[in-house]
Amino acid sequence: MSKLTQPPAMLPPERLKGIRRGIEKESLRATSGALLAMTPHPAAIGSALAHPNITTDYSEAQLELITGVHASVEQCLEELTQIHQFTYRALGDELMWVSSMPCNLPADENIPIGRYGSSNVGRAKSVYRMGLAHRYGRRMQTISGIHYNWSLPGVSDAQYFALIRNFRRHAFLLLYLFGASPAACSSFVTGRRHELESLTSQTVYMPYGTSLRMGRLGYQSEAQASLAVSYNSLDGYAASLHDALTRPYAAYEAVGIVNPGGEYNQLSTTLLQIENEFYGTIRPKRVIRPGERPLHALRERGVEYVEVRLMDLDPFVPIGIKAQTIRFLDVFLLHCLQADSPPDTPAEIAALGRNQHKTAAYGRQPGLLLERDGGEVGLTDWGAEIVAACKPIAAQLDAAHATTDYSDAVRAAEALLSDPDMLPSARVLAAMAKDHENGFTSFVLDQSQRSKATLLKLPYPAAVQTRLEAAAKQSIEEQAAIEAVDNVPFEAFRQQYVSPERLELSKEAAGSVLAAA
């Protein structure tokens, strides 16, 4: 595993100022009674298919709010806030649920899947989600989180993969520091085997849990557990994904592509329908061209940024994440990039999975031990080593930006390691006990209402409303235009989209890659 003792290389201030970031934030729409909203995606906020900032994730009731790319932490959060303000003005009495774990859910088959219109690409998005329902159940897909997209100028593919390997090694620290989902509504586990304890008749929890979302009840898949994807190189990662995207899986072949009534069950019968089905705490990413497969984009043009996928929604922050958390992520990612990053092995990959589950379920347990280099180490001891290694990096960022904000973020993390009662996961359970008779739903409903009121009271420039109204209108027009030009039968579109050839490098690109090697 990575060495933490060597000092980080000094990066030029101008390069540090080149960090770029964006946020994708998921939230369920809920009723004032804490039930999942069964209403369609509001037309006033535009087309979920074509809007650049407001779409849906899995469910028709699961909003996904997306910022642009920003050099400034404050500007990124300002845009996220404005998208929230615009969205709330179209939701009526509905709320954005502020917890990663869902509100009171209906029966699995009644959770509405996202709808994107009648175009082939829109239908494919819905069929993909139907496939997820058959494979994993709909309830698992209603979990929400924050995705943090991050890049630094001048980072090669090999360096991004070194970052990813270290991120996976040290991700337990982010689950410990920022996990905020130690409890859930009992409707989430109805009919499922689980290790959670009952806190009340309507609330289940783990007493020392940090992030149920990232634990065994969250984004987990027995089928995908067999993949053991390596992050030692782009070529190896791409080969693993290619195999999963083209290898038939017996259980999914039994489901079939189309049901006897002629409706589509899934896009394909392979282990993964498309690249996004692969669950991970972090992904290498590249902006795709229209109609392009993500794996093809990575193979042809390399890694453009990384997507951090393990952050819970912070229920104490109206937009789900605060500036100090983002600054710690920036420092942490630079640490992962600069620390020694040996190749991963199947044994280490398995150990990291066990560390993730232990931290998610028992992270605040005093003396908790994690696996490292074939032995054991205390979670807080290992975490303290990582935080200490982050301090010089924070100082570099502070110098580049003429601030102390980055060192302040690292000091805040250091304080949390020594005072677990101040962790978000502990604060959630304490607030539930103090004011809500240990009720998860009551606590989150109250926080959701407070967040809505706060966001609606904040200053909101008329120009922002005008701009986002225009974007909503344009997105609806774009969806109509896409639907108007579709002239290929959906089955032909589906077969062409999932064909293995779409994943391959073009001959020209393959030649240029070989020439550069």
Protein backbone atom coordinates (compact mmCIF):
# COMPACT_ATOMS: atom_id res chain seq x y z
CA MET A 1 0.00 0.00 0.00
CA SER A 2 1.07 3.61 -0.42
CA LYS A 3 3.82 5.27 1.61
CA LEU A 4 2.73 8.42 3.43
CA THR A 5 6.03 9.60 4.92
CA GLN A 6 7.64 11.19 1.87
CA PRO A 7 6.99 14.94 1.50
CA PRO A 8 4.77 15.93 -1.41
CA ALA A 9 6.34 17.52 -4.46
CA MET A 10 5.91 21.28 -4.70
CA LEU A 11 3.40 22.06 -7.41
CA PRO A 12 3.52 25.51 -9.03
CA PRO A 13 0.78 27.82 -7.77
CA GLU A 14 -0.54 28.34 -11.30
CA ARG A 15 -0.98 24.60 -11.72
CA LEU A 16 -2.84 24.36 -8.41
CA LYS A 17 -5.07 27.18 -9.58
CA GLY A 18 -5.85 24.99 -12.59
CA ILE A 19 -7.88 22.54 -10.48
CA ARG A 20 -11.36 22.25 -11.95
CA ARG A 21 -14.42 20.82 -10.24
CA GLY A 22 -18.11 20.18 -10.72
CA ILE A 23 -20.87 18.62 -8.63
CA GLU A 24 -23.72 16.24 -9.40
CA LYS A 25 -26.22 16.08 -6.53
CA GLU A 26 -29.05 13.55 -6.29
CA SER A 27 -32.17 14.05 -4.15
CA LEU A 28 -35.48 12.26 -4.01
CA ARG A 29 -38.63 14.33 -4.38
CA ALA A 30 -40.77 13.65 -1.32
CA THR A 31 -44.22 14.70 -0.15
CA SER A 32 -44.84 16.74 2.98
CA GLY A 33 -45.75 13.41 4.57
CA ALA A 34 -42.29 11.93 3.85
CA LEU A 35 -43.58 9.66 1.08
CA LEU A 36 -41.87 9.24 -2.29
CA ALA A 37 -43.42 11.69 -4.77
CA MET A 38 -45.34 9.82 -7.48
CA THR A 39 -45.72 12.88 -9.71
CA PRO A 40 -43.92 13.25 -13.06
CA HIS A 41 -40.71 15.26 -13.37
CA PRO A 42 -42.03 18.87 -13.29
CA ALA A 43 -42.34 20.36 -16.77
CA ALA A 44 -41.39 23.78 -15.40
CA ILE A 45 -37.82 22.61 -14.81
CA GLY A 46 -37.43 21.26 -18.32
CA SER A 47 -36.67 17.99 -20.04
CA ALA A 48 -34.85 15.36 -17.98
CA LEU A 49 -33.40 14.10 -21.27
CA ALA A 50 -31.91 17.34 -22.52
CA HIS A 51 -31.46 19.83 -19.66
CA PRO A 52 -27.74 20.37 -18.87
CA ASN A 53 -28.32 21.14 -15.18
CA ILE A 54 -31.48 19.35 -14.04
CA THR A 55 -32.25 15.73 -14.85
CA THR A 56 -33.25 12.55 -13.02
CA ASP A 57 -31.09 9.67 -11.87
CA TYR A 58 -32.81 6.31 -11.45
CA SER A 59 -36.34 7.20 -10.46
CA GLU A 60 -38.72 9.70 -11.99
CA ALA A 61 -38.76 11.14 -8.45
CA GLN A 62 -34.95 11.31 -8.10
CA LEU A 63 -33.67 14.72 -9.11
CA GLU A 64 -30.08 15.15 -10.24
CA LEU A 65 -28.76 18.72 -10.13
CA ILE A 66 -25.55 19.33 -12.10
CA THR A 67 -23.19 22.28 -12.03
CA GLY A 68 -20.84 23.36 -14.76
CA VAL A 69 -17.05 23.20 -14.41
CA HIS A 70 -15.56 25.73 -11.98
CA ALA A 71 -12.16 27.03 -10.93
CA SER A 72 -13.65 28.48 -7.73
CA VAL A 73 -15.16 26.47 -4.87
CA GLU A 74 -17.49 29.37 -4.05
CA GLN A 75 -18.71 29.75 -7.64
CA CYS A 76 -19.39 26.02 -7.88
CA LEU A 77 -21.51 26.12 -4.72
CA GLU A 78 -23.21 29.32 -5.83
CA GLU A 79 -24.35 27.65 -9.03
CA LEU A 80 -25.52 24.56 -7.14
CA THR A 81 -27.48 26.82 -4.78
CA GLN A 82 -29.13 28.69 -7.66
CA ILE A 83 -30.16 25.43 -9.35
CA HIS A 84 -31.75 24.39 -6.04
CA GLN A 85 -33.56 27.73 -5.76
CA PHE A 86 -34.93 27.46 -9.30
CA THR A 87 -35.98 23.84 -8.81
CA TYR A 88 -37.74 24.52 -5.52
CA ARG A 89 -39.85 27.23 -7.14
CA ALA A 90 -41.30 24.53 -9.40
CA LEU A 91 -41.88 21.82 -6.79
CA GLY A 92 -44.93 23.23 -5.04
CA ASP A 93 -45.43 21.43 -1.74
CA GLU A 94 -42.85 18.76 -2.52
CA LEU A 95 -39.46 18.59 -0.81
CA MET A 96 -35.97 17.55 -1.80
CA TRP A 97 -35.13 14.77 0.66
CA VAL A 98 -31.86 15.76 2.33
CA SER A 99 -30.66 12.28 3.35
CA SER A 100 -28.81 9.76 1.21
CA MET A 101 -31.11 7.06 2.56
CA PRO A 102 -34.61 7.33 1.08
CA CYS A 103 -37.92 8.47 2.48
CA ASN A 104 -40.84 6.12 3.06
CA LEU A 105 -40.95 3.98 -0.07
CA PRO A 106 -43.86 2.17 -1.71
CA ALA A 107 -43.66 -1.47 -2.77
CA ASP A 108 -40.63 -2.05 -5.00
CA GLU A 109 -42.66 -2.42 -8.20
CA ASN A 110 -44.40 0.92 -7.54
CA ILE A 111 -41.21 3.01 -7.42
CA PRO A 112 -41.41 4.97 -10.70
CA ILE A 113 -38.54 4.59 -13.16
CA GLY A 114 -37.24 7.69 -14.94
CA ARG A 115 -39.03 8.61 -18.18
CA TYR A 116 -37.27 10.47 -20.97
CA GLY A 117 -39.71 10.62 -23.86
CA SER A 118 -40.27 8.56 -27.00
CA SER A 119 -36.90 8.94 -28.77
CA ASN A 120 -34.62 5.94 -29.05
CA VAL A 121 -32.08 7.47 -26.70
CA GLY A 122 -34.84 8.36 -24.22
CA ARG A 123 -36.33 4.87 -24.38
CA ALA A 124 -32.87 3.35 -23.92
CA LYS A 125 -32.39 5.30 -20.70
CA SER A 126 -35.66 3.94 -19.32
CA VAL A 127 -34.96 0.37 -20.46
CA TYR A 128 -31.54 0.54 -18.79
CA ARG A 129 -33.27 1.51 -15.54
CA MET A 130 -35.74 -1.33 -15.97
CA GLY A 131 -32.72 -3.62 -16.28
CA LEU A 132 -31.37 -2.28 -13.01
CA ALA A 133 -34.74 -3.02 -11.40
CA HIS A 134 -34.61 -6.65 -12.56
CA ARG A 135 -31.00 -7.05 -11.50
CA TYR A 136 -30.83 -5.27 -8.16
CA GLY A 137 -34.35 -4.14 -7.23
CA ARG A 138 -35.67 -0.60 -7.38
CA ARG A 139 -35.20 0.31 -3.73
CA MET A 140 -31.41 0.08 -3.93
CA GLN A 141 -31.47 2.65 -6.74
CA THR A 142 -33.29 5.26 -4.64
CA ILE A 143 -30.18 5.93 -2.55
CA SER A 144 -28.82 9.41 -3.29
CA GLY A 145 -25.42 11.04 -3.01
CA ILE A 146 -22.98 13.67 -4.19
CA HIS A 147 -20.61 13.04 -7.10
CA TYR A 148 -17.55 15.31 -7.16
CA ASN A 149 -15.79 15.70 -10.51
CA TRP A 150 -12.15 16.82 -10.31
CA SER A 151 -9.21 17.47 -12.60
CA LEU A 152 -5.71 18.96 -12.47
CA PRO A 153 -3.77 20.15 -15.53
CA GLY A 154 -0.90 18.02 -16.78
CA VAL A 155 -1.96 14.69 -15.26
CA SER A 156 -1.34 11.64 -17.44
CA ASP A 157 -3.52 8.55 -17.65
CA ALA A 158 -0.98 6.62 -15.57
CA GLN A 159 -1.00 9.35 -12.91
CA TYR A 160 -4.80 9.45 -12.76
CA PHE A 161 -4.84 5.69 -12.24
CA ALA A 162 -2.20 6.03 -9.51
CA LEU A 163 -4.51 8.58 -7.86
CA ILE A 164 -7.44 6.17 -8.18
CA ARG A 165 -5.50 3.30 -6.57
CA ASN A 166 -4.58 5.47 -3.58
CA PHE A 167 -8.09 6.88 -3.36
CA ARG A 168 -9.48 3.36 -3.05
CA ARG A 169 -6.90 2.56 -0.36
CA HIS A 170 -7.72 5.64 1.67
CA ALA A 171 -11.44 6.03 0.90
CA PHE A 172 -12.32 4.71 4.37
CA LEU A 173 -11.26 8.11 5.73
CA LEU A 174 -13.88 9.95 3.65
CA LEU A 175 -16.57 7.49 4.78
CA TYR A 176 -15.55 8.11 8.38
CA LEU A 177 -15.32 11.90 8.12
CA PHE A 178 -18.32 12.62 5.90
CA GLY A 179 -20.59 9.57 6.07
CA ALA A 180 -24.02 10.83 7.15
CA SER A 181 -26.32 7.84 6.72
CA PRO A 182 -26.17 5.67 9.86
CA ALA A 183 -29.94 5.08 9.87
CA ALA A 184 -32.77 4.41 7.44
CA CYS A 185 -36.52 4.11 7.18
CA SER A 186 -37.56 0.50 7.82
CA SER A 187 -39.40 0.50 4.47
CA PHE A 188 -35.97 0.35 2.79
CA VAL A 189 -35.23 -3.12 4.22
CA THR A 190 -38.71 -4.66 4.10
CA GLY A 191 -38.37 -8.25 2.91
CA ARG A 192 -34.56 -8.06 2.73
CA ARG A 193 -31.92 -9.81 4.81
CA HIS A 194 -29.83 -7.26 6.67
CA GLU A 195 -27.61 -6.66 9.70
CA LEU A 196 -29.27 -3.45 10.87
CA GLU A 197 -30.74 -3.03 14.34
CA SER A 198 -34.20 -1.66 15.03
CA LEU A 199 -34.16 1.73 16.74
CA THR A 200 -37.94 2.18 16.55
CA SER A 201 -40.68 0.35 14.68
CA GLN A 202 -40.02 2.61 11.67
CA THR A 203 -36.24 3.16 11.95
CA VAL A 204 -33.29 0.82 11.47
CA TYR A 205 -29.66 1.76 12.10
CA MET A 206 -26.11 0.72 12.92
CA PRO A 207 -25.04 2.17 16.31
CA TYR A 208 -21.50 2.89 15.04
CA GLY A 209 -22.40 3.20 11.36
CA THR A 210 -21.17 6.02 9.15
CA SER A 211 -22.65 5.38 5.69
CA LEU A 212 -25.25 2.68 5.13
CA ARG A 213 -25.31 3.93 1.53
CA MET A 214 -21.77 2.62 1.01
CA GLY A 215 -22.27 -0.57 3.01
CA ARG A 216 -23.78 -3.95 2.27
CA LEU A 217 -27.28 -2.50 1.83
CA GLY A 218 -26.11 0.15 -0.61
CA TYR A 219 -24.70 -0.07 -4.11
CA GLN A 220 -23.64 -3.70 -3.95
CA SER A 221 -23.89 -6.52 -6.43
CA GLU A 222 -22.89 -10.18 -6.10
CA ALA A 223 -22.52 -10.34 -9.87
CA GLN A 224 -20.16 -7.37 -9.94
CA ALA A 225 -18.19 -8.68 -6.95
CA SER A 226 -16.76 -11.27 -9.33
CA LEU A 227 -15.16 -8.57 -11.47
CA ALA A 228 -12.21 -7.54 -9.21
CA VAL A 229 -11.41 -4.71 -11.62
CA SER A 230 -7.78 -3.61 -11.47
CA TYR A 231 -6.78 0.05 -11.68
CA ASN A 232 -3.15 -0.54 -12.60
CA SER A 233 -3.51 0.95 -16.07
CA LEU A 234 -6.06 2.35 -18.48
CA ASP A 235 -5.59 -0.68 -20.73
CA GLY A 236 -6.23 -3.14 -17.89
CA TYR A 237 -9.22 -1.22 -16.59
CA ALA A 238 -10.68 -0.94 -20.09
CA ALA A 239 -10.16 -4.66 -20.73
CA SER A 240 -11.99 -5.54 -17.48
CA LEU A 241 -14.94 -3.32 -18.36
CA HIS A 242 -14.99 -4.55 -21.96
CA ASP A 243 -15.24 -8.12 -20.70
CA ALA A 244 -18.12 -7.25 -18.35
CA LEU A 245 -19.93 -5.39 -21.14
CA THR A 246 -19.68 -8.27 -23.60
CA ARG A 247 -19.81 -11.41 -21.43
CA PRO A 248 -23.30 -12.95 -21.09
CA TYR A 249 -24.39 -13.59 -17.51
CA ALA A 250 -26.64 -16.58 -16.93
CA ALA A 251 -28.99 -14.96 -14.42
CA TYR A 252 -29.56 -12.01 -16.77
CA GLU A 253 -30.01 -14.27 -19.78
CA ALA A 254 -32.84 -15.88 -17.81
CA VAL A 255 -34.50 -12.45 -17.49
CA GLY A 256 -34.29 -11.94 -21.26
CA ILE A 257 -34.27 -8.76 -23.33
CA VAL A 258 -38.03 -8.62 -23.97
CA ASN A 259 -40.84 -10.01 -21.84
CA PRO A 260 -43.73 -12.07 -23.29
CA GLY A 261 -45.83 -8.91 -23.53
CA GLY A 262 -43.29 -7.31 -25.84
CA GLU A 263 -41.92 -4.84 -23.28
CA TYR A 264 -38.18 -4.49 -22.75
CA ASN A 265 -36.68 -5.91 -19.56
CA GLN A 266 -33.11 -4.65 -20.08
CA LEU A 267 -30.70 -3.40 -22.73
CA SER A 268 -28.60 -6.57 -22.80
CA THR A 269 -27.97 -9.83 -20.96
CA THR A 270 -24.29 -9.13 -20.28
CA LEU A 271 -22.82 -8.69 -16.81
CA LEU A 272 -23.07 -4.91 -17.31
CA GLN A 273 -25.64 -3.34 -19.64
CA ILE A 274 -23.61 -0.13 -20.02
CA GLU A 275 -20.53 1.37 -18.35
CA ASN A 276 -22.49 3.36 -15.72
CA GLU A 277 -23.79 0.15 -14.21
CA PHE A 278 -20.34 -0.60 -12.78
CA TYR A 279 -20.33 0.52 -9.15
CA GLY A 280 -17.21 2.08 -7.69
CA THR A 281 -16.14 4.72 -5.19
CA ILE A 282 -14.29 6.61 -7.95
CA ARG A 283 -14.32 6.48 -11.76
CA PRO A 284 -11.96 7.68 -14.49
CA LYS A 285 -14.02 9.81 -16.86
CA ARG A 286 -13.92 11.57 -20.23
CA VAL A 287 -16.60 13.81 -21.72
CA ILE A 288 -18.27 11.80 -24.48
CA ARG A 289 -19.33 12.91 -27.93
CA PRO A 290 -22.96 12.48 -29.07
CA GLY A 291 -23.77 8.77 -29.33
CA GLU A 292 -20.30 7.71 -28.11
CA ARG A 293 -19.78 4.96 -25.53
CA PRO A 294 -17.85 6.10 -22.42
CA LEU A 295 -15.37 3.22 -22.70
CA HIS A 296 -14.59 4.18 -26.30
CA ALA A 297 -14.00 7.78 -25.21
CA LEU A 298 -11.58 6.68 -22.48
CA ARG A 299 -9.68 4.36 -24.80
CA GLU A 300 -9.41 6.88 -27.60
CA ARG A 301 -8.70 10.12 -25.72
CA GLY A 302 -7.68 9.10 -22.19
CA VAL A 303 -8.76 10.23 -18.73
CA GLU A 304 -10.00 13.81 -18.50
CA TYR A 305 -11.10 13.87 -14.85
CA VAL A 306 -12.09 11.61 -11.96
CA GLU A 307 -15.56 11.26 -10.47
CA VAL A 308 -15.66 10.76 -6.69
CA ARG A 309 -18.83 8.78 -5.95
CA LEU A 310 -18.85 7.95 -2.23
CA MET A 311 -19.99 11.23 -0.67
CA ASP A 312 -23.23 11.14 1.30
CA LEU A 313 -25.61 14.07 1.28
CA ASP A 314 -24.94 16.24 4.34
CA PRO A 315 -28.42 16.66 5.87
CA PHE A 316 -27.22 19.66 7.90
CA VAL A 317 -26.36 21.67 4.76
CA PRO A 318 -29.25 22.84 2.51
CA ILE A 319 -27.46 21.92 -0.74
CA GLY A 320 -25.87 18.73 0.63
CA ILE A 321 -22.19 19.76 0.72
CA LYS A 322 -20.23 22.70 2.12
CA ALA A 323 -17.09 24.53 1.02
CA GLN A 324 -14.89 23.06 3.75
CA THR A 325 -15.73 19.53 2.61
CA ILE A 326 -14.85 20.39 -0.99
CA ARG A 327 -11.52 21.85 0.10
CA PHE A 328 -10.67 18.72 2.05
CA LEU A 329 -11.52 16.66 -1.05
CA ASP A 330 -9.16 18.81 -3.12
CA VAL A 331 -6.33 18.24 -0.62
CA PHE A 332 -7.14 14.53 -0.31
CA LEU A 333 -7.15 14.01 -4.09
CA LEU A 334 -3.81 15.81 -4.45
CA HIS A 335 -2.44 13.58 -1.69
CA CYS A 336 -3.69 10.50 -3.55
CA LEU A 337 -2.04 11.79 -6.72
CA GLN A 338 1.35 12.49 -5.11
CA ALA A 339 1.77 9.62 -2.65
CA ASP A 340 3.59 6.47 -3.72
CA SER A 341 1.02 4.21 -5.42
CA PRO A 342 2.12 0.61 -5.96
CA PRO A 343 0.09 -1.64 -8.25
CA ASP A 344 -3.00 -3.20 -6.76
CA THR A 345 -3.44 -6.96 -6.41
CA PRO A 346 -6.52 -9.19 -6.15
CA ALA A 347 -5.79 -9.71 -2.45
CA GLU A 348 -5.57 -5.98 -1.80
CA ILE A 349 -8.73 -5.28 -3.81
CA ALA A 350 -10.60 -7.80 -1.64
CA ALA A 351 -9.18 -6.25 1.56
CA LEU A 352 -10.23 -2.76 0.45
CA GLY A 353 -13.77 -4.01 -0.06
CA ARG A 354 -13.81 -5.40 3.47
CA ASN A 355 -12.41 -2.11 4.84
CA GLN A 356 -15.18 -0.19 3.08
CA HIS A 357 -17.89 -2.37 4.57
CA LYS A 358 -16.37 -2.27 8.07
CA THR A 359 -16.09 1.53 8.00
CA ALA A 360 -19.60 1.95 6.62
CA ALA A 361 -21.15 -0.28 9.30
CA TYR A 362 -18.84 0.19 12.32
CA GLY A 363 -16.64 3.22 11.53
CA ARG A 364 -17.18 5.00 14.88
CA GLN A 365 -16.62 1.88 16.97
CA PRO A 366 -13.71 2.59 19.37
CA GLY A 367 -10.56 0.72 18.40
CA LEU A 368 -11.91 -0.45 15.04
CA LEU A 369 -9.20 -2.24 13.05
CA LEU A 370 -8.80 -2.22 9.26
CA GLU A 371 -6.61 -4.39 7.04
CA ARG A 372 -3.33 -3.02 5.71
CA ASP A 373 -0.38 -4.84 4.14
CA GLY A 374 -1.51 -8.21 5.46
CA GLY A 375 -1.87 -6.95 9.03
CA GLU A 376 -4.23 -4.72 10.99
CA VAL A 377 -4.16 -1.03 11.86
CA GLY A 378 -6.52 1.20 13.82
CA LEU A 379 -8.87 3.22 11.62
CA THR A 380 -8.17 6.45 13.48
CA ASP A 381 -4.39 5.78 13.54
CA TRP A 382 -4.32 5.24 9.79
CA GLY A 383 -6.61 8.20 9.27
CA ALA A 384 -4.27 10.40 11.35
CA GLU A 385 -1.34 9.35 9.14
CA ILE A 386 -3.24 10.39 6.02
CA VAL A 387 -4.35 13.72 7.52
CA ALA A 388 -0.76 14.47 8.59
CA ALA A 389 0.40 13.79 5.02
CA CYS A 390 -2.26 16.20 3.76
CA LYS A 391 -1.04 19.18 5.80
CA PRO A 392 1.85 20.24 3.49
CA ILE A 393 -0.47 19.97 0.48
CA ALA A 394 -3.04 22.17 2.19
CA ALA A 395 -0.28 24.72 2.86
CA GLN A 396 0.60 24.76 -0.85
CA LEU A 397 -3.03 25.36 -1.81
CA ASP A 398 -3.33 28.09 0.82
CA ALA A 399 -0.26 29.82 -0.59
CA ALA A 400 -1.60 29.58 -4.15
CA HIS A 401 -4.96 31.09 -3.16
CA ALA A 402 -3.76 33.49 -0.42
CA THR A 403 -6.00 31.89 2.21
CA THR A 404 -5.96 29.54 5.19
CA ASP A 405 -9.12 27.70 4.11
CA TYR A 406 -7.38 24.50 3.02
CA SER A 407 -5.37 24.13 6.24
CA ASP A 408 -8.55 24.92 8.18
CA ALA A 409 -10.30 22.04 6.37
CA VAL A 410 -7.49 19.64 7.28
CA ARG A 411 -7.52 20.82 10.93
CA ALA A 412 -11.28 20.22 11.02
CA ALA A 413 -10.72 16.66 9.77
CA GLU A 414 -8.01 16.16 12.41
CA ALA A 415 -10.45 17.29 15.11
CA LEU A 416 -13.08 14.81 13.92
CA LEU A 417 -10.61 11.94 14.23
CA SER A 418 -10.22 12.71 17.94
CA ASP A 419 -13.89 13.56 18.60
CA PRO A 420 -16.16 11.05 16.81
CA ASP A 421 -19.25 12.52 18.49
CA MET A 422 -18.91 15.48 16.11
CA LEU A 423 -18.95 13.33 12.97
CA PRO A 424 -22.01 13.85 10.72
CA SER A 425 -23.12 10.26 11.31
CA ALA A 426 -23.03 10.77 15.10
CA ARG A 427 -24.78 14.14 14.82
CA VAL A 428 -27.60 12.52 12.81
CA LEU A 429 -28.23 9.92 15.52
CA ALA A 430 -27.95 12.55 18.28
CA ALA A 431 -30.47 14.85 16.56
CA MET A 432 -32.83 11.92 16.00
CA ALA A 433 -32.64 11.05 19.71
CA LYS A 434 -32.93 14.63 21.00
CA ASP A 435 -35.81 15.97 18.95
CA HIS A 436 -37.44 13.12 17.02
CA GLU A 437 -37.83 10.18 19.43
CA ASN A 438 -35.14 8.33 17.44
CA GLY A 439 -37.20 8.59 14.26
CA PHE A 440 -35.20 8.73 11.01
CA THR A 441 -38.08 9.91 8.85
CA SER A 442 -39.13 12.62 11.30
CA PHE A 443 -35.56 13.96 11.50
CA VAL A 444 -34.99 14.05 7.74
CA LEU A 445 -38.42 15.52 7.04
CA ASP A 446 -37.67 18.33 9.49
CA GLN A 447 -34.24 18.96 7.95
CA SER A 448 -35.74 18.89 4.45
CA GLN A 449 -38.35 21.49 5.39
CA ARG A 450 -35.69 23.68 7.01
CA SER A 451 -33.49 23.41 3.91
CA LYS A 452 -36.37 24.36 1.62
CA ALA A 453 -37.23 27.40 3.76
CA THR A 454 -33.58 28.49 3.87
CA LEU A 455 -33.12 28.21 0.12
CA LEU A 456 -36.32 30.08 -0.67
CA LYS A 457 -35.32 32.94 1.65
CA LEU A 458 -31.86 33.43 0.14
CA PRO A 459 -31.35 36.25 -2.37
CA TYR A 460 -32.25 35.05 -5.84
CA PRO A 461 -31.46 37.33 -8.79
CA ALA A 462 -34.19 37.69 -11.39
CA ALA A 463 -31.54 37.14 -14.07
CA VAL A 464 -30.90 33.64 -12.72
CA GLN A 465 -34.60 32.76 -12.90
CA THR A 466 -34.79 34.11 -16.45
CA ARG A 467 -31.70 32.15 -17.53
CA LEU A 468 -32.86 28.87 -16.04
CA GLU A 469 -36.39 29.29 -17.39
CA ALA A 470 -34.88 29.75 -20.85
CA ALA A 471 -32.71 26.65 -20.37
CA ALA A 472 -35.78 24.64 -19.34
CA LYS A 473 -37.72 25.81 -22.39
CA GLN A 474 -34.78 25.07 -24.69
CA SER A 475 -34.38 21.57 -23.24
CA ILE A 476 -38.01 20.75 -24.01
CA GLU A 477 -37.51 21.98 -27.57
CA GLU A 478 -34.34 19.90 -27.89
CA GLN A 479 -36.15 16.76 -26.72
CA ALA A 480 -38.88 17.37 -29.31
CA ALA A 481 -36.26 17.84 -32.02
CA ILE A 482 -34.53 14.57 -31.07
CA GLU A 483 -37.85 12.74 -31.20
CA ALA A 484 -38.76 14.29 -34.56
CA VAL A 485 -35.69 12.97 -36.37
CA ASP A 486 -35.70 9.41 -35.00
CA ASN A 487 -36.28 7.07 -37.93
CA VAL A 488 -34.59 3.87 -36.74
CA PRO A 489 -36.62 1.12 -35.00
CA PHE A 490 -35.74 0.90 -31.33
CA GLU A 491 -34.52 -2.70 -31.59
CA ALA A 492 -32.06 -1.76 -34.31
CA PHE A 493 -30.90 1.20 -32.20
CA ARG A 494 -30.47 -1.04 -29.14
CA GLN A 495 -28.47 -3.68 -30.98
CA GLN A 496 -26.22 -1.08 -32.52
CA TYR A 497 -25.64 0.74 -29.23
CA VAL A 498 -24.65 -2.35 -27.21
CA SER A 499 -22.55 -3.91 -29.99
CA PRO A 500 -18.95 -4.70 -28.92
CA GLU A 501 -17.63 -2.74 -31.91
CA ARG A 502 -18.85 0.49 -30.27
CA LEU A 503 -16.39 -0.11 -27.42
CA GLU A 504 -13.30 -0.54 -29.59
CA LEU A 505 -10.74 2.03 -30.62
CA SER A 506 -10.96 3.20 -34.19
CA LYS A 507 -8.05 2.02 -36.34
CA GLU A 508 -6.76 5.58 -36.58
CA ALA A 509 -6.89 6.10 -32.81
CA ALA A 510 -5.34 2.68 -32.14
CA GLY A 511 -2.45 3.62 -34.41
CA SER A 512 -1.87 6.90 -32.61
CA VAL A 513 -1.99 5.16 -29.21
CA LEU A 514 0.60 2.62 -30.36
CA ALA A 515 2.79 5.37 -31.78
CA ALA A 516 2.68 7.21 -28.45
CA ALA A 517 3.50 4.09 -26.42
